[in-house]
């Protein structure tokens, strides 16, 4: 008598700092998933090179399924840049199905998977903050409202790149003798990059400027913890901007509950306290909740939901789409 074949779902979280996959058995929702890591997003003239990212990630996951004598039934994918750095969802679905085969695949913006991971599929708003920032509010039916996500030149207010830029401006103000300067941040600038006069060349010539700027947010956090008022004020302002993002995402028809996610929140109360204070001021009718999980958890939840109720799955181009075969 042959053994019963195990059945699996796959979650993918494709981001600028790296990509991750998680495998979970269909009949074991509470069981910790098996995780894998892959390449980060790189953007060229044609947009995001998704096939290369998938090639670094999916073979590991598919091999693990085969090794366990299992069968992959569905996948959920959260992708950074889906709303602004791709030509549409069809090409992404083609790339996914080329490696996954004709299984149901849910493809979403990472804002959607962050919301699902943080609050579930009941709706609400999320602000996802790392190097950049994007907010999303939805009822998973008629209301879908994105906030920011415009990149470090045009937006990403309150993000790691915004904090790093504000910190460098305060450092340069101290160097110039202008008001609002921070000698502590100027010392951090010199330790990290050398003479301030060298900074423009070291910043403007980089393809990964946003990440380079965001890296200085750690220095701004360190100065704030050491009592630097200018650095602390930058984090306070960032928290307020993220609260404004959430409030904007909670538009008409969106359930009045919100959460947050992303590496920037590793700063803890330095960021969360001003965010919560500002949010209470502008949206006293809404509830701010700690996230239940992250974007990868949301991707797994979408795969599970697509399996459970394919006929009522909340497709909404381009935020969240599902396909079974190549479009």
C-alpha atoms as a PDB file:
ATOM      1  CA  UNK A   1       0.000   0.000   0.000  1.00  0.00           C
ATOM      2  CA  UNK A   2       1.544   3.320  -1.101  1.00  0.00           C
ATOM      3  CA  UNK A   3       1.998   6.240   1.287  1.00  0.00           C
ATOM      4  CA  UNK A   4      -0.395   9.168   1.061  1.00  0.00           C
ATOM      5  CA  UNK A   5       1.202  12.018  -0.885  1.00  0.00           C
ATOM      6  CA  UNK A   6       1.705  15.155   1.210  1.00  0.00           C
ATOM      7  CA  UNK A   7       0.197  18.397  -0.108  1.00  0.00           C
ATOM      8  CA  UNK A   8       1.896  21.782   0.158  1.00  0.00           C
ATOM      9  CA  UNK A   9       1.390  25.501  -0.401  1.00  0.00           C
ATOM     10  CA  UNK A  10       4.155  27.961  -1.206  1.00  0.00           C
ATOM     11  CA  UNK A  11       4.582  31.581  -0.160  1.00  0.00           C
ATOM     12  CA  UNK A  12       7.026  33.991  -1.824  1.00  0.00           C
ATOM     13  CA  UNK A  13       8.099  37.417  -0.576  1.00  0.00           C
ATOM     14  CA  UNK A  14      10.103  39.214  -3.274  1.00  0.00           C
ATOM     15  CA  UNK A  15      11.763  42.398  -2.054  1.00  0.00           C
ATOM     16  CA  UNK A  16      14.524  44.920  -2.510  1.00  0.00           C
ATOM     17  CA  UNK A  17      16.701  43.541   0.280  1.00  0.00           C
ATOM     18  CA  UNK A  18      16.232  39.898  -0.697  1.00  0.00           C
ATOM     19  CA  UNK A  19      13.599  37.299  -1.497  1.00  0.00           C
ATOM     20  CA  UNK A  20      12.207  34.514   0.670  1.00  0.00           C
ATOM     21  CA  UNK A  21      10.088  31.426   0.191  1.00  0.00           C
ATOM     22  CA  UNK A  22       8.130  29.375   2.711  1.00  0.00           C
ATOM     23  CA  UNK A  23       6.634  25.912   2.328  1.00  0.00           C
ATOM     24  CA  UNK A  24       3.768  24.736   4.510  1.00  0.00           C
ATOM     25  CA  UNK A  25       1.663  21.595   4.502  1.00  0.00           C
ATOM     26  CA  UNK A  26      -1.961  22.215   3.545  1.00  0.00           C
ATOM     27  CA  UNK A  27      -3.260  20.315   6.559  1.00  0.00           C
ATOM     28  CA  UNK A  28      -0.907  21.997   9.057  1.00  0.00           C
ATOM     29  CA  UNK A  29      -1.717  25.736   9.140  1.00  0.00           C
ATOM     30  CA  UNK A  30      -0.215  26.109  12.613  1.00  0.00           C
ATOM     31  CA  UNK A  31       3.007  24.296  11.749  1.00  0.00           C
ATOM     32  CA  UNK A  32       6.123  26.469  11.233  1.00  0.00           C
ATOM     33  CA  UNK A  33       6.922  26.669   7.512  1.00  0.00           C
ATOM     34  CA  UNK A  34      10.198  25.644   5.912  1.00  0.00           C
ATOM     35  CA  UNK A  35      11.984  28.769   4.638  1.00  0.00           C
ATOM     36  CA  UNK A  36      14.443  29.529   1.815  1.00  0.00           C
ATOM     37  CA  UNK A  37      16.229  32.702   0.692  1.00  0.00           C
ATOM     38  CA  UNK A  38      17.006  34.088  -2.755  1.00  0.00           C
ATOM     39  CA  UNK A  39      18.190  37.142  -4.680  1.00  0.00           C
ATOM     40  CA  UNK A  40      16.958  40.685  -4.169  1.00  0.00           C
ATOM     41  CA  UNK A  41      15.067  42.743  -6.710  1.00  0.00           C
ATOM     42  CA  UNK A  42      17.173  44.541  -9.287  1.00  0.00           C
ATOM     43  CA  UNK A  43      15.594  47.079 -11.610  1.00  0.00           C
ATOM     44  CA  UNK A  44      16.843  47.590 -15.158  1.00  0.00           C
ATOM     45  CA  UNK A  45      15.565  49.455 -18.207  1.00  0.00           C
ATOM     46  CA  UNK A  46      12.890  46.776 -18.716  1.00  0.00           C
ATOM     47  CA  UNK A  47      11.817  46.847 -15.053  1.00  0.00           C
ATOM     48  CA  UNK A  48      12.227  44.068 -12.504  1.00  0.00           C
ATOM     49  CA  UNK A  49      14.076  40.962 -13.731  1.00  0.00           C
ATOM     50  CA  UNK A  50      11.708  38.481 -12.090  1.00  0.00           C
ATOM     51  CA  UNK A  51      12.878  35.270 -13.830  1.00  0.00           C
ATOM     52  CA  UNK A  52      16.377  35.664 -12.368  1.00  0.00           C
ATOM     53  CA  UNK A  53      14.962  36.127  -8.858  1.00  0.00           C
ATOM     54  CA  UNK A  54      12.733  33.073  -9.207  1.00  0.00           C
ATOM     55  CA  UNK A  55      15.661  31.013 -10.503  1.00  0.00           C
ATOM     56  CA  UNK A  56      17.523  31.772  -7.266  1.00  0.00           C
ATOM     57  CA  UNK A  57      14.598  30.768  -5.088  1.00  0.00           C
ATOM     58  CA  UNK A  58      12.102  28.325  -6.581  1.00  0.00           C
ATOM     59  CA  UNK A  59      14.381  25.361  -7.366  1.00  0.00           C
ATOM     60  CA  UNK A  60      15.194  25.068  -3.644  1.00  0.00           C
ATOM     61  CA  UNK A  61      11.512  25.018  -2.693  1.00  0.00           C
ATOM     62  CA  UNK A  62      10.430  22.672  -5.477  1.00  0.00           C
ATOM     63  CA  UNK A  63      13.266  20.276  -4.661  1.00  0.00           C
ATOM     64  CA  UNK A  64      12.142  20.236  -1.025  1.00  0.00           C
ATOM     65  CA  UNK A  65       8.592  19.301  -2.075  1.00  0.00           C
ATOM     66  CA  UNK A  66       9.837  16.525  -4.355  1.00  0.00           C
ATOM     67  CA  UNK A  67      12.241  15.229  -1.729  1.00  0.00           C
ATOM     68  CA  UNK A  68       9.340  14.782   0.679  1.00  0.00           C
ATOM     69  CA  UNK A  69       7.265  12.953  -1.896  1.00  0.00           C
ATOM     70  CA  UNK A  70       4.830  15.843  -1.939  1.00  0.00           C
ATOM     71  CA  UNK A  71       2.719  17.835  -4.336  1.00  0.00           C
ATOM     72  CA  UNK A  72       2.527  21.621  -4.574  1.00  0.00           C
ATOM     73  CA  UNK A  73      -1.116  22.756  -4.796  1.00  0.00           C
ATOM     74  CA  UNK A  74      -0.987  26.573  -4.787  1.00  0.00           C
ATOM     75  CA  UNK A  75       1.307  29.566  -4.342  1.00  0.00           C
ATOM     76  CA  UNK A  76       0.950  33.086  -3.014  1.00  0.00           C
ATOM     77  CA  UNK A  77       3.415  35.780  -4.028  1.00  0.00           C
ATOM     78  CA  UNK A  78       4.038  39.221  -2.563  1.00  0.00           C
ATOM     79  CA  UNK A  79       6.197  41.418  -4.782  1.00  0.00           C
ATOM     80  CA  UNK A  80       7.770  44.788  -4.105  1.00  0.00           C
ATOM     81  CA  UNK A  81       7.525  47.151  -7.075  1.00  0.00           C
ATOM     82  CA  UNK A  82       4.565  45.333  -8.623  1.00  0.00           C
ATOM     83  CA  UNK A  83       2.488  48.523  -8.705  1.00  0.00           C
ATOM     84  CA  UNK A  84       5.138  50.832 -10.119  1.00  0.00           C
ATOM     85  CA  UNK A  85       8.101  48.960 -11.610  1.00  0.00           C
ATOM     86  CA  UNK A  86       6.435  46.376 -13.854  1.00  0.00           C
ATOM     87  CA  UNK A  87       4.527  46.561 -17.128  1.00  0.00           C
ATOM     88  CA  UNK A  88       1.643  44.615 -15.591  1.00  0.00           C
ATOM     89  CA  UNK A  89       0.825  41.357 -13.899  1.00  0.00           C
ATOM     90  CA  UNK A  90       0.622  39.087 -16.958  1.00  0.00           C
ATOM     91  CA  UNK A  91       4.393  38.930 -17.469  1.00  0.00           C
ATOM     92  CA  UNK A  92       4.920  38.151 -13.796  1.00  0.00           C
ATOM     93  CA  UNK A  93       2.343  35.361 -13.902  1.00  0.00           C
ATOM     94  CA  UNK A  94       4.043  33.919 -16.981  1.00  0.00           C
ATOM     95  CA  UNK A  95       7.405  33.886 -15.190  1.00  0.00           C
ATOM     96  CA  UNK A  96       5.867  32.202 -12.160  1.00  0.00           C
ATOM     97  CA  UNK A  97       3.979  29.527 -14.096  1.00  0.00           C
ATOM     98  CA  UNK A  98       7.037  28.778 -16.226  1.00  0.00           C
ATOM     99  CA  UNK A  99       8.615  27.311 -13.079  1.00  0.00           C
ATOM    100  CA  UNK A 100       5.600  26.330 -10.992  1.00  0.00           C
ATOM    101  CA  UNK A 101       3.440  24.764 -13.688  1.00  0.00           C
ATOM    102  CA  UNK A 102      -0.363  25.010 -13.944  1.00  0.00           C
ATOM    103  CA  UNK A 103      -1.179  25.453 -10.262  1.00  0.00           C
ATOM    104  CA  UNK A 104      -3.267  28.336  -8.843  1.00  0.00           C
ATOM    105  CA  UNK A 105      -1.048  31.354  -8.130  1.00  0.00           C
ATOM    106  CA  UNK A 106      -2.046  34.516  -6.280  1.00  0.00           C
ATOM    107  CA  UNK A 107       0.187  37.478  -7.166  1.00  0.00           C
ATOM    108  CA  UNK A 108       0.007  40.581  -5.004  1.00  0.00           C
ATOM    109  CA  UNK A 109       1.797  43.772  -4.181  1.00  0.00           C
ATOM    110  CA  UNK A 110       3.870  43.323  -1.041  1.00  0.00           C
ATOM    111  CA  UNK A 111       1.558  45.911   0.527  1.00  0.00           C
ATOM    112  CA  UNK A 112      -1.289  43.415   0.140  1.00  0.00           C
ATOM    113  CA  UNK A 113       0.669  40.500   1.599  1.00  0.00           C
ATOM    114  CA  UNK A 114       1.819  42.758   4.453  1.00  0.00           C
ATOM    115  CA  UNK A 115      -1.795  43.674   5.187  1.00  0.00           C
ATOM    116  CA  UNK A 116      -2.939  40.045   5.053  1.00  0.00           C
ATOM    117  CA  UNK A 117      -0.020  38.950   7.215  1.00  0.00           C
ATOM    118  CA  UNK A 118      -0.692  41.709   9.716  1.00  0.00           C
ATOM    119  CA  UNK A 119      -4.489  41.691   9.952  1.00  0.00           C
ATOM    120  CA  UNK A 120      -5.854  38.770   7.927  1.00  0.00           C
ATOM    121  CA  UNK A 121      -8.254  39.035   4.983  1.00  0.00           C
ATOM    122  CA  UNK A 122     -10.880  41.059   6.825  1.00  0.00           C
ATOM    123  CA  UNK A 123      -9.598  44.380   5.490  1.00  0.00           C
ATOM    124  CA  UNK A 124      -8.057  47.503   6.986  1.00  0.00           C
ATOM    125  CA  UNK A 125      -4.889  49.480   6.335  1.00  0.00           C
ATOM    126  CA  UNK A 126      -1.172  48.838   6.582  1.00  0.00           C
ATOM    127  CA  UNK A 127       1.933  50.958   6.223  1.00  0.00           C
ATOM    128  CA  UNK A 128       4.998  49.011   5.146  1.00  0.00           C
ATOM    129  CA  UNK A 129       8.223  50.853   5.941  1.00  0.00           C
ATOM    130  CA  UNK A 130      11.767  49.843   5.171  1.00  0.00           C
ATOM    131  CA  UNK A 131      14.053  51.518   2.654  1.00  0.00           C
ATOM    132  CA  UNK A 132      10.837  52.883   1.105  1.00  0.00           C
ATOM    133  CA  UNK A 133       7.239  53.258   2.232  1.00  0.00           C
ATOM    134  CA  UNK A 134       3.898  52.197   0.837  1.00  0.00           C
ATOM    135  CA  UNK A 135       0.506  52.219   2.487  1.00  0.00           C
ATOM    136  CA  UNK A 136      -2.605  50.309   1.466  1.00  0.00           C
ATOM    137  CA  UNK A 137      -6.187  50.402   2.595  1.00  0.00           C
ATOM    138  CA  UNK A 138      -8.784  47.922   1.342  1.00  0.00           C
ATOM    139  CA  UNK A 139     -11.942  46.016   2.196  1.00  0.00           C
ATOM    140  CA  UNK A 140     -10.831  43.284  -0.245  1.00  0.00           C
ATOM    141  CA  UNK A 141     -13.856  44.090  -2.366  1.00  0.00           C
ATOM    142  CA  UNK A 142     -14.543  47.537  -3.841  1.00  0.00           C
ATOM    143  CA  UNK A 143     -12.098  49.773  -1.961  1.00  0.00           C
ATOM    144  CA  UNK A 144      -8.396  49.681  -2.837  1.00  0.00           C
ATOM    145  CA  UNK A 145      -6.325  52.744  -1.989  1.00  0.00           C
ATOM    146  CA  UNK A 146      -2.542  52.935  -2.230  1.00  0.00           C
ATOM    147  CA  UNK A 147      -0.608  55.716  -0.473  1.00  0.00           C
ATOM    148  CA  UNK A 148       2.942  56.809  -1.395  1.00  0.00           C
ATOM    149  CA  UNK A 149       5.400  54.226  -2.705  1.00  0.00           C
ATOM    150  CA  UNK A 150       6.738  56.889  -5.080  1.00  0.00           C
ATOM    151  CA  UNK A 151      10.417  56.207  -4.397  1.00  0.00           C
ATOM    152  CA  UNK A 152      13.015  58.172  -2.459  1.00  0.00           C
ATOM    153  CA  UNK A 153      13.141  61.087  -4.927  1.00  0.00           C
ATOM    154  CA  UNK A 154       9.405  61.745  -5.189  1.00  0.00           C
ATOM    155  CA  UNK A 155       8.066  60.351  -1.918  1.00  0.00           C
ATOM    156  CA  UNK A 156       8.629  57.493   0.550  1.00  0.00           C
ATOM    157  CA  UNK A 157       7.950  59.923   3.376  1.00  0.00           C
ATOM    158  CA  UNK A 158       8.968  58.581   6.762  1.00  0.00           C
ATOM    159  CA  UNK A 159      10.953  55.698   5.260  1.00  0.00           C
ATOM    160  CA  UNK A 160      14.488  54.588   6.003  1.00  0.00           C
ATOM    161  CA  UNK A 161      15.773  56.547   3.007  1.00  0.00           C
ATOM    162  CA  UNK A 162      13.826  59.620   4.193  1.00  0.00           C
ATOM    163  CA  UNK A 163      15.287  59.326   7.711  1.00  0.00           C
ATOM    164  CA  UNK A 164      18.789  58.798   6.356  1.00  0.00           C
ATOM    165  CA  UNK A 165      18.456  61.808   4.057  1.00  0.00           C
ATOM    166  CA  UNK A 166      17.139  63.995   6.894  1.00  0.00           C
ATOM    167  CA  UNK A 167      20.042  62.850   9.066  1.00  0.00           C
ATOM    168  CA  UNK A 168      22.593  63.697   6.390  1.00  0.00           C
ATOM    169  CA  UNK A 169      21.009  67.109   5.873  1.00  0.00           C
ATOM    170  CA  UNK A 170      21.294  67.767   9.606  1.00  0.00           C
ATOM    171  CA  UNK A 171      24.921  66.644   9.508  1.00  0.00           C
ATOM    172  CA  UNK A 172      25.702  68.971   6.597  1.00  0.00           C
ATOM    173  CA  UNK A 173      23.888  71.828   8.359  1.00  0.00           C
ATOM    174  CA  UNK A 174      26.256  71.353  11.303  1.00  0.00           C
ATOM    175  CA  UNK A 175      29.211  71.333   8.901  1.00  0.00           C
ATOM    176  CA  UNK A 176      28.013  74.566   7.288  1.00  0.00           C
ATOM    177  CA  UNK A 177      27.058  76.260  10.561  1.00  0.00           C
ATOM    178  CA  UNK A 178      23.391  76.514   9.615  1.00  0.00           C
ATOM    179  CA  UNK A 179      20.489  76.155  12.065  1.00  0.00           C
ATOM    180  CA  UNK A 180      19.150  72.647  12.677  1.00  0.00           C
ATOM    181  CA  UNK A 181      22.506  70.975  12.491  1.00  0.00           C
ATOM    182  CA  UNK A 182      23.642  67.966  14.486  1.00  0.00           C
ATOM    183  CA  UNK A 183      27.332  67.641  15.405  1.00  0.00           C
ATOM    184  CA  UNK A 184      26.673  64.029  16.432  1.00  0.00           C
ATOM    185  CA  UNK A 185      25.339  63.159  12.984  1.00  0.00           C
ATOM    186  CA  UNK A 186      28.213  65.053  11.364  1.00  0.00           C
ATOM    187  CA  UNK A 187      30.603  62.812  13.302  1.00  0.00           C
ATOM    188  CA  UNK A 188      28.673  59.757  12.079  1.00  0.00           C
ATOM    189  CA  UNK A 189      28.843  61.011   8.493  1.00  0.00           C
ATOM    190  CA  UNK A 190      32.628  61.420   8.733  1.00  0.00           C
ATOM    191  CA  UNK A 191      33.032  57.976  10.280  1.00  0.00           C
ATOM    192  CA  UNK A 192      30.971  56.333   7.546  1.00  0.00           C
ATOM    193  CA  UNK A 193      32.010  58.331   4.449  1.00  0.00           C
ATOM    194  CA  UNK A 194      34.917  60.591   5.322  1.00  0.00           C
ATOM    195  CA  UNK A 195      35.004  64.285   4.461  1.00  0.00           C
ATOM    196  CA  UNK A 196      31.570  65.857   3.835  1.00  0.00           C
ATOM    197  CA  UNK A 197      32.876  67.274   0.569  1.00  0.00           C
ATOM    198  CA  UNK A 198      33.170  63.711  -0.723  1.00  0.00           C
ATOM    199  CA  UNK A 199      29.547  62.842   0.055  1.00  0.00           C
ATOM    200  CA  UNK A 200      27.832  64.046  -3.170  1.00  0.00           C
ATOM    201  CA  UNK A 201      30.110  61.896  -5.320  1.00  0.00           C
ATOM    202  CA  UNK A 202      29.609  58.896  -3.048  1.00  0.00           C
ATOM    203  CA  UNK A 203      25.813  59.264  -3.068  1.00  0.00           C
ATOM    204  CA  UNK A 204      24.809  60.560  -6.492  1.00  0.00           C
ATOM    205  CA  UNK A 205      26.874  58.042  -8.458  1.00  0.00           C
ATOM    206  CA  UNK A 206      25.295  55.005  -6.787  1.00  0.00           C
ATOM    207  CA  UNK A 207      22.576  52.942  -8.453  1.00  0.00           C
ATOM    208  CA  UNK A 208      21.406  51.867  -4.996  1.00  0.00           C
ATOM    209  CA  UNK A 209      21.083  55.401  -3.602  1.00  0.00           C
ATOM    210  CA  UNK A 210      17.906  54.667  -1.667  1.00  0.00           C
ATOM    211  CA  UNK A 211      19.555  51.805   0.199  1.00  0.00           C
ATOM    212  CA  UNK A 212      22.699  53.823   0.869  1.00  0.00           C
ATOM    213  CA  UNK A 213      20.629  56.661   2.305  1.00  0.00           C
ATOM    214  CA  UNK A 214      18.519  54.244   4.372  1.00  0.00           C
ATOM    215  CA  UNK A 215      21.652  52.740   5.921  1.00  0.00           C
ATOM    216  CA  UNK A 216      22.303  56.075   7.661  1.00  0.00           C
ATOM    217  CA  UNK A 217      18.982  55.724   9.500  1.00  0.00           C
ATOM    218  CA  UNK A 218      20.799  53.413  11.934  1.00  0.00           C
ATOM    219  CA  UNK A 219      23.207  56.247  12.742  1.00  0.00           C
ATOM    220  CA  UNK A 220      20.257  58.588  13.258  1.00  0.00           C
ATOM    221  CA  UNK A 221      18.702  56.036  15.628  1.00  0.00           C
ATOM    222  CA  UNK A 222      21.969  55.681  17.539  1.00  0.00           C
ATOM    223  CA  UNK A 223      22.295  59.446  17.946  1.00  0.00           C
ATOM    224  CA  UNK A 224      18.682  59.682  19.098  1.00  0.00           C
ATOM    225  CA  UNK A 225      19.233  56.987  21.734  1.00  0.00           C
ATOM    226  CA  UNK A 226      22.313  58.905  22.896  1.00  0.00           C
ATOM    227  CA  UNK A 227      20.184  62.002  23.506  1.00  0.00           C
ATOM    228  CA  UNK A 228      20.673  64.010  20.307  1.00  0.00           C
ATOM    229  CA  UNK A 229      17.539  66.167  20.003  1.00  0.00           C
ATOM    230  CA  UNK A 230      17.854  66.702  16.250  1.00  0.00           C
ATOM    231  CA  UNK A 231      18.106  62.964  15.571  1.00  0.00           C
ATOM    232  CA  UNK A 232      15.190  62.223  17.910  1.00  0.00           C
ATOM    233  CA  UNK A 233      13.136  64.874  16.143  1.00  0.00           C
ATOM    234  CA  UNK A 234      13.766  63.184  12.788  1.00  0.00           C
ATOM    235  CA  UNK A 235      12.347  59.897  14.101  1.00  0.00           C
ATOM    236  CA  UNK A 236       9.383  61.718  15.638  1.00  0.00           C
ATOM    237  CA  UNK A 237       8.643  63.352  12.297  1.00  0.00           C
ATOM    238  CA  UNK A 238       8.991  59.984  10.529  1.00  0.00           C
ATOM    239  CA  UNK A 239       6.441  58.423  12.886  1.00  0.00           C
ATOM    240  CA  UNK A 240       4.019  61.255  12.214  1.00  0.00           C
ATOM    241  CA  UNK A 241       4.424  60.861   8.456  1.00  0.00           C
ATOM    242  CA  UNK A 242       3.732  57.127   8.681  1.00  0.00           C
ATOM    243  CA  UNK A 243       0.602  57.854  10.752  1.00  0.00           C
ATOM    244  CA  UNK A 244      -0.533  60.281   8.035  1.00  0.00           C
ATOM    245  CA  UNK A 245       0.028  57.512   5.494  1.00  0.00           C
ATOM    246  CA  UNK A 246      -2.175  55.114   7.475  1.00  0.00           C
ATOM    247  CA  UNK A 247      -4.885  57.713   7.968  1.00  0.00           C
ATOM    248  CA  UNK A 248      -4.959  58.407   4.225  1.00  0.00           C
ATOM    249  CA  UNK A 249      -5.158  54.675   3.493  1.00  0.00           C
ATOM    250  CA  UNK A 250      -8.205  54.357   5.769  1.00  0.00           C
ATOM    251  CA  UNK A 251     -10.486  55.943   3.202  1.00  0.00           C
ATOM    252  CA  UNK A 252     -14.203  55.555   2.802  1.00  0.00           C
ATOM    253  CA  UNK A 253     -15.330  51.927   2.957  1.00  0.00           C
ATOM    254  CA  UNK A 254     -12.138  50.589   4.548  1.00  0.00           C
ATOM    255  CA  UNK A 255     -12.616  48.906   7.960  1.00  0.00           C
ATOM    256  CA  UNK A 256     -11.191  51.224  10.674  1.00  0.00           C
ATOM    257  CA  UNK A 257      -8.305  49.026  11.757  1.00  0.00           C
ATOM    258  CA  UNK A 258      -4.649  49.526  10.898  1.00  0.00           C
ATOM    259  CA  UNK A 259      -1.251  47.940  11.396  1.00  0.00           C
ATOM    260  CA  UNK A 260       2.374  48.349  10.353  1.00  0.00           C
ATOM    261  CA  UNK A 261       5.213  46.206   9.082  1.00  0.00           C
ATOM    262  CA  UNK A 262       8.746  46.397   7.740  1.00  0.00           C
ATOM    263  CA  UNK A 263      12.322  46.526   8.951  1.00  0.00           C
ATOM    264  CA  UNK A 264      12.120  50.182   9.954  1.00  0.00           C
ATOM    265  CA  UNK A 265       9.984  49.197  12.933  1.00  0.00           C
ATOM    266  CA  UNK A 266      12.985  47.411  14.420  1.00  0.00           C
ATOM    267  CA  UNK A 267      13.623  50.879  15.899  1.00  0.00           C
ATOM    268  CA  UNK A 268      10.827  50.090  18.358  1.00  0.00           C
ATOM    269  CA  UNK A 269       9.340  52.885  20.457  1.00  0.00           C
ATOM    270  CA  UNK A 270      11.559  55.459  18.767  1.00  0.00           C
ATOM    271  CA  UNK A 271       9.217  55.151  15.795  1.00  0.00           C
ATOM    272  CA  UNK A 272       6.104  53.470  17.195  1.00  0.00           C
ATOM    273  CA  UNK A 273       5.449  56.000  19.945  1.00  0.00           C
ATOM    274  CA  UNK A 274       5.153  59.066  17.659  1.00  0.00           C
ATOM    275  CA  UNK A 275       3.253  57.001  15.072  1.00  0.00           C
ATOM    276  CA  UNK A 276       0.684  55.872  17.643  1.00  0.00           C
ATOM    277  CA  UNK A 277       0.351  59.358  19.153  1.00  0.00           C
ATOM    278  CA  UNK A 278      -0.237  61.032  15.797  1.00  0.00           C
ATOM    279  CA  UNK A 279      -2.604  58.265  14.672  1.00  0.00           C
ATOM    280  CA  UNK A 280      -4.763  58.701  17.777  1.00  0.00           C
ATOM    281  CA  UNK A 281      -4.986  62.435  17.071  1.00  0.00           C
ATOM    282  CA  UNK A 282      -6.115  62.170  13.465  1.00  0.00           C
ATOM    283  CA  UNK A 283      -8.079  58.890  13.534  1.00  0.00           C
ATOM    284  CA  UNK A 284      -9.519  58.475  17.055  1.00  0.00           C
ATOM    285  CA  UNK A 285     -12.226  56.220  15.576  1.00  0.00           C
ATOM    286  CA  UNK A 286      -9.720  53.651  14.292  1.00  0.00           C
ATOM    287  CA  UNK A 287      -7.682  50.962  16.033  1.00  0.00           C
ATOM    288  CA  UNK A 288      -3.932  50.549  15.575  1.00  0.00           C
ATOM    289  CA  UNK A 289      -2.918  46.916  16.141  1.00  0.00           C
ATOM    290  CA  UNK A 290       0.480  45.215  16.306  1.00  0.00           C
ATOM    291  CA  UNK A 291       0.922  42.947  13.258  1.00  0.00           C
ATOM    292  CA  UNK A 292       0.083  39.273  13.581  1.00  0.00           C
ATOM    293  CA  UNK A 293       2.774  38.401  11.030  1.00  0.00           C
ATOM    294  CA  UNK A 294       4.670  39.710   8.024  1.00  0.00           C
ATOM    295  CA  UNK A 295       4.534  39.685   4.243  1.00  0.00           C
ATOM    296  CA  UNK A 296       5.644  36.059   3.898  1.00  0.00           C
ATOM    297  CA  UNK A 297       2.877  34.985   6.279  1.00  0.00           C
ATOM    298  CA  UNK A 298       0.445  36.947   4.105  1.00  0.00           C
ATOM    299  CA  UNK A 299       1.669  35.214   0.948  1.00  0.00           C
ATOM    300  CA  UNK A 300       1.026  31.815   2.532  1.00  0.00           C
ATOM    301  CA  UNK A 301      -2.417  32.978   3.667  1.00  0.00           C
ATOM    302  CA  UNK A 302      -3.301  34.039   0.112  1.00  0.00           C
ATOM    303  CA  UNK A 303      -2.244  30.634  -1.237  1.00  0.00           C
ATOM    304  CA  UNK A 304      -4.407  28.939   1.380  1.00  0.00           C
ATOM    305  CA  UNK A 305      -7.376  31.199   0.612  1.00  0.00           C
ATOM    306  CA  UNK A 306      -7.022  30.581  -3.131  1.00  0.00           C
ATOM    307  CA  UNK A 307      -7.228  26.858  -2.459  1.00  0.00           C
ATOM    308  CA  UNK A 308     -10.136  27.201  -0.044  1.00  0.00           C
ATOM    309  CA  UNK A 309     -12.404  29.506  -2.046  1.00  0.00           C
ATOM    310  CA  UNK A 310     -11.195  30.084  -5.630  1.00  0.00           C
ATOM    311  CA  UNK A 311     -14.608  31.291  -6.824  1.00  0.00           C
ATOM    312  CA  UNK A 312     -14.719  34.165  -4.323  1.00  0.00           C
ATOM    313  CA  UNK A 313     -11.017  35.047  -4.260  1.00  0.00           C
ATOM    314  CA  UNK A 314     -10.741  38.885  -4.245  1.00  0.00           C
ATOM    315  CA  UNK A 315      -9.038  39.603  -7.572  1.00  0.00           C
ATOM    316  CA  UNK A 316      -8.286  43.283  -8.157  1.00  0.00           C
ATOM    317  CA  UNK A 317      -5.814  44.260 -10.868  1.00  0.00           C
ATOM    318  CA  UNK A 318      -3.010  45.173 -10.214  1.00  0.00           C
ATOM    319  CA  UNK A 319      -3.078  44.819  -6.412  1.00  0.00           C
ATOM    320  CA  UNK A 320      -4.083  41.153  -6.264  1.00  0.00           C
ATOM    321  CA  UNK A 321      -4.603  38.732  -9.162  1.00  0.00           C
ATOM    322  CA  UNK A 322      -4.867  34.979  -9.487  1.00  0.00           C
ATOM    323  CA  UNK A 323      -4.114  32.649 -12.391  1.00  0.00           C
ATOM    324  CA  UNK A 324      -4.063  28.896 -12.872  1.00  0.00           C
ATOM    325  CA  UNK A 325      -2.244  28.754 -16.208  1.00  0.00           C
ATOM    326  CA  UNK A 326      -0.129  31.073 -18.304  1.00  0.00           C
ATOM    327  CA  UNK A 327      -2.197  34.139 -19.333  1.00  0.00           C
END
